[in-house]
Amino acid sequence: MLKYRLTLGPIFVLAALGLSWLDGWLDIQPAPGWMHRFVANGTWPPGVFIFLIVAFLTVVAACELTVILRSKGVAASRRMNSILAVSGLLLGALIPEEWSGMGAAGLINASVAMVLIVSLVVYSRKQQVEGMIAAAGGSLLSFCYLGLLFAFLIMIRREHPVWVMLWVLLVTKSCDIGAFFTGITIGRHKLIPWLSPGKTWEGLIGGLITSAAVAAGGALLLPRVCPEGTPLPSWQASIIAGLLFGAVGQLGDLLASLLKRDAGVKDAGRSLPGFGGMLDLIDSVVLVGPFAFWWLRLATAG
């Protein structure tokens, strides 16, 4: 596992840097003529490339979630769960900025209700009623967990330069890295042995220190890569963000462990050697998204 993590980890970081650069580059490129009615300055809207990447990750994670649900005897469709997860992403990507909070909340509430109704209709089409509650719950899990929560990453990109979004990702995943290496080095006291036997209190503390340091260091670099005049958090406030994102990210990992333990599996999949499946890779980021979105709004307000 350590060999794969040491090999694939730097590759993931370089890939994230390259994809972020491409997304920022696309922002300043002229948009096709048919898009001019939808964009104000004639260039591509922010986050188009990031949305495509996140949608791909979401589809893979939705397929893994489907396998977990099926292992518990829950009626689940890969195609339907993938569509629902991507639909949740689209809500975050396409809600107009000029809409009031009430309008956006109404759209999301209506969408959740529609997912519930559609899932009940689809899974009862064979005139069977057994397992409908679990099937509807699985559909809502895919839509809300992989769709609506992950959509906050797109919403952060819509409001901030791509490097701010990348900063959130690196801060969150740095806690995972710090916790892993601290845990295998000096970890002695189990954090929650009945849920995640590998996690230790020493690892958690080491991860939080790592994420706080990365957050502060990244905040000092952001002014050099973001456009002049961009509202950015201070390095002092970013230390708090590092602790918050790190702690919430570890909670996200534990929540994913709940699903896997209930299904009797250690990893969500085998697509990423040393990491498990795609769901194992993004579980911390999914939960951090809403906290990071609102923290950035507060930290950069004014």
Foldseek 3Di string as FASTA:
>chain_A
DVVLCVVVVVVVVVVLVVLLVVQLVQQPAADDPVCCVVDPPRGDAHDPSVLVVLLVLLLQLQQLLQVLLVLVVADDDSVLLSVLQNVLLVLLQPDDPPDDPVVSVVVVVVSLVVLLVVQLCVVCVVVDDPRSVVSSVSSSCSNVQNRNLSSLLVNVRNQFRSLLSVLLVCLLVQLVVQLQVQQVPDFDAADDCVQDVSGGPRSNVRSLVRSLVSQLVSQVCVCVPGDPPGQGFHSVVSSVVSNVLNVQLVVLLSVVSVSQVVSPHDASACPRPPQHTSCSVCSSVSRCSVVSSVSGCVRRPD
